[in-house]
Every structure is written in structure tokens, then in C-alpha cells.
Protein backbone atom coordinates (compact mmCIF):
# COMPACT_ATOMS: atom_id res chain seq x y z
CA MET A 1 0.00 0.00 0.00
CA THR A 2 2.95 2.29 0.46
CA SER A 3 3.39 2.52 -3.30
CA TYR A 4 -0.22 3.72 -3.74
CA LYS A 5 0.43 6.46 -1.17
CA ASN A 6 3.71 7.51 -2.78
CA LEU A 7 2.50 7.31 -6.38
CA PHE A 8 -1.11 8.44 -6.17
CA ASP A 9 -1.63 9.86 -2.65
CA TYR A 10 -4.11 7.10 -1.70
CA GLU A 11 -4.67 6.21 1.95
CA LEU A 12 -6.05 2.96 3.34
CA ILE A 13 -9.62 3.71 4.46
CA SER A 14 -10.87 0.19 5.20
CA GLY A 15 -9.58 -3.37 5.43
CA PRO A 16 -8.01 -5.58 4.56
CA PHE A 17 -10.96 -7.95 4.93
CA ASP A 18 -10.95 -11.66 4.19
CA ASP A 19 -14.25 -12.61 2.56
CA PRO A 20 -14.62 -16.40 2.50
CA ILE A 21 -17.98 -16.12 0.68
CA GLN A 22 -16.30 -14.42 -2.30
CA ASN A 23 -12.93 -16.20 -1.70
CA VAL A 24 -11.01 -12.91 -1.81
CA SER A 25 -9.24 -10.47 0.47
CA VAL A 26 -10.00 -6.79 -0.16
CA CYS A 27 -9.06 -3.35 1.06
CA PHE A 28 -10.24 0.12 0.08
CA LEU A 29 -8.20 3.22 -0.73
CA SER A 30 -9.16 6.87 -1.25
CA ARG A 31 -7.57 10.29 -1.46
CA GLY A 32 -10.23 11.91 0.68
CA GLU A 33 -13.85 12.98 0.95
CA GLY A 34 -15.63 12.94 -2.41
CA ASP A 35 -12.87 10.98 -4.16
CA THR A 36 -13.50 7.71 -5.96
CA VAL A 37 -12.86 4.70 -3.74
CA VAL A 38 -10.46 2.10 -5.14
CA GLU A 39 -10.89 -1.53 -4.08
CA LEU A 40 -7.83 -3.78 -4.19
CA VAL A 41 -8.69 -7.47 -4.48
CA ALA A 42 -6.41 -10.44 -3.81
CA PRO A 43 -7.21 -14.16 -3.92
CA LEU A 44 -7.97 -15.62 -0.51
CA GLY A 45 -7.09 -19.13 -1.60
CA PRO A 46 -7.11 -21.51 -4.54
CA ASN A 47 -9.91 -21.17 -7.09
CA SER A 48 -10.61 -17.54 -6.28
CA PRO A 49 -12.86 -15.79 -8.82
CA ILE A 50 -9.99 -13.45 -9.70
CA ASP A 51 -7.52 -16.20 -10.60
CA LEU A 52 -8.20 -15.90 -14.34
CA THR A 53 -7.68 -12.13 -14.26
CA LEU A 54 -4.37 -12.55 -12.44
CA LYS A 55 -3.22 -15.19 -14.94
CA LYS A 56 -3.86 -12.62 -17.68
CA GLY A 57 -1.61 -10.12 -15.90
CA GLY A 58 -4.09 -8.40 -13.59
CA GLY A 59 -5.59 -4.98 -14.14
CA PRO A 60 -9.10 -3.63 -13.72
CA TYR A 61 -11.40 -6.46 -12.74
CA HIS A 62 -14.90 -4.98 -12.55
CA LEU A 63 -17.01 -1.89 -11.92
CA CYS A 64 -19.04 -1.55 -8.74
CA TYR A 65 -22.19 0.54 -8.45
CA GLN A 66 -23.88 1.46 -5.19
CA VAL A 67 -27.62 1.14 -5.80
CA PRO A 68 -30.63 2.25 -3.74
CA ASN A 69 -32.70 -0.81 -4.71
CA MET A 70 -30.91 -4.08 -5.50
CA ASN A 71 -33.85 -5.81 -7.19
CA SER A 72 -34.61 -2.83 -9.43
CA ALA A 73 -30.95 -2.57 -10.47
CA ILE A 74 -30.79 -6.29 -11.25
CA ASP A 75 -34.04 -6.09 -13.23
CA HIS A 76 -32.70 -3.11 -15.18
CA LEU A 77 -29.41 -4.78 -16.08
CA THR A 78 -30.91 -8.17 -16.93
CA GLY A 79 -33.54 -6.36 -19.01
CA GLN A 80 -30.65 -4.88 -21.00
CA GLY A 81 -29.17 -8.31 -21.70
CA SER A 82 -26.86 -8.76 -18.70
CA LYS A 83 -26.65 -12.18 -17.05
CA LEU A 84 -27.02 -12.54 -13.29
CA LEU A 85 -23.94 -14.46 -12.08
CA SER A 86 -24.51 -14.31 -8.33
CA ARG A 87 -27.72 -13.48 -6.52
CA PRO A 88 -27.47 -10.86 -3.76
CA LEU A 89 -25.32 -12.09 -0.86
CA PRO A 90 -24.05 -10.28 2.24
CA PRO A 91 -20.23 -10.00 2.02
CA ILE A 92 -17.95 -9.40 4.96
CA ASN A 93 -16.49 -6.09 3.74
CA PHE A 94 -19.68 -4.03 3.29
CA GLN A 95 -21.23 -4.22 6.76
CA MET A 96 -23.26 -7.21 5.48
CA ARG A 97 -25.08 -5.10 2.85
CA GLU A 98 -25.95 -7.23 -0.15
CA VAL A 99 -23.77 -7.55 -3.24
CA ALA A 100 -24.76 -9.11 -6.58
CA TRP A 101 -22.66 -9.86 -9.67
CA LEU A 102 -23.67 -9.58 -13.32
CA MET A 103 -21.96 -9.87 -16.71
CA THR A 104 -22.95 -7.46 -19.47
CA GLU A 105 -23.33 -8.59 -23.07
CA THR A 106 -19.95 -6.97 -23.79
CA GLY A 107 -18.23 -9.03 -21.07
CA LEU A 108 -17.99 -6.31 -18.41
CA LEU A 109 -18.23 -7.72 -14.89
CA VAL A 110 -20.51 -5.53 -12.76
CA GLU A 111 -20.88 -5.60 -8.98
CA LEU A 112 -24.01 -4.08 -7.43
CA PHE A 113 -23.73 -2.90 -3.84
CA GLN A 114 -26.85 -2.16 -1.78
CA ALA A 115 -26.77 1.42 -0.47
């Protein structure tokens, strides 16, 4: 994390958290109030959902949207051709607020986070 501070002025704001449901370890970085939050994701063990991304060299993995109504957001995205990959589940790192995963028709992985 030191390199993110030195290079981009990011500070650790939360984590790291081990999430056995998602099989990842995550932490969150930001440069301050109103700034975009960056989530760093690492595999928690074998067969983590990010293994394929890491084998390809890493990089951006997905986009996450905080939504006021999870079911409405899922209905909207699936109505636009996205496929629901994981129904809403409460992860460790978001105070047990539900998270769902979808894949758009163009192959973009989308995480929905209940506000």
C-alpha cells in the first residue's frame, strides 16, 4: 500500500478484509472525501474468482455501483441483456449489505452494492 500512497496519494480507508464467501481479500483506498474509492482485491485461496484475471496479468477487474434498490438494479441490467452471475449475498467487507454480480453482453463484470 505504500506505493499507492507515494504514487497516487491514496490512503487505506478500510480493510483488509478476508471474505470467504467471495474467496477474496480486499481493502479500500481513497484520497479523501468525495474521491473515488479504489478496491484492491487479492485471492484468498485456490480457485478464487480473480484467478483468471491474475493469470492474464491483472488490471481492472470490474465496476461496482452502489444502488438504492438491489432488485430494481438487477431487473434493469438483466432487461438490458446482462446475465445474473450471483444473486445478492451479504459480504464481509460491506457491513453485510448485499452484493450481486452480473456480466454485461460486452463481457464487463458488474458488482451491485446495496446502499
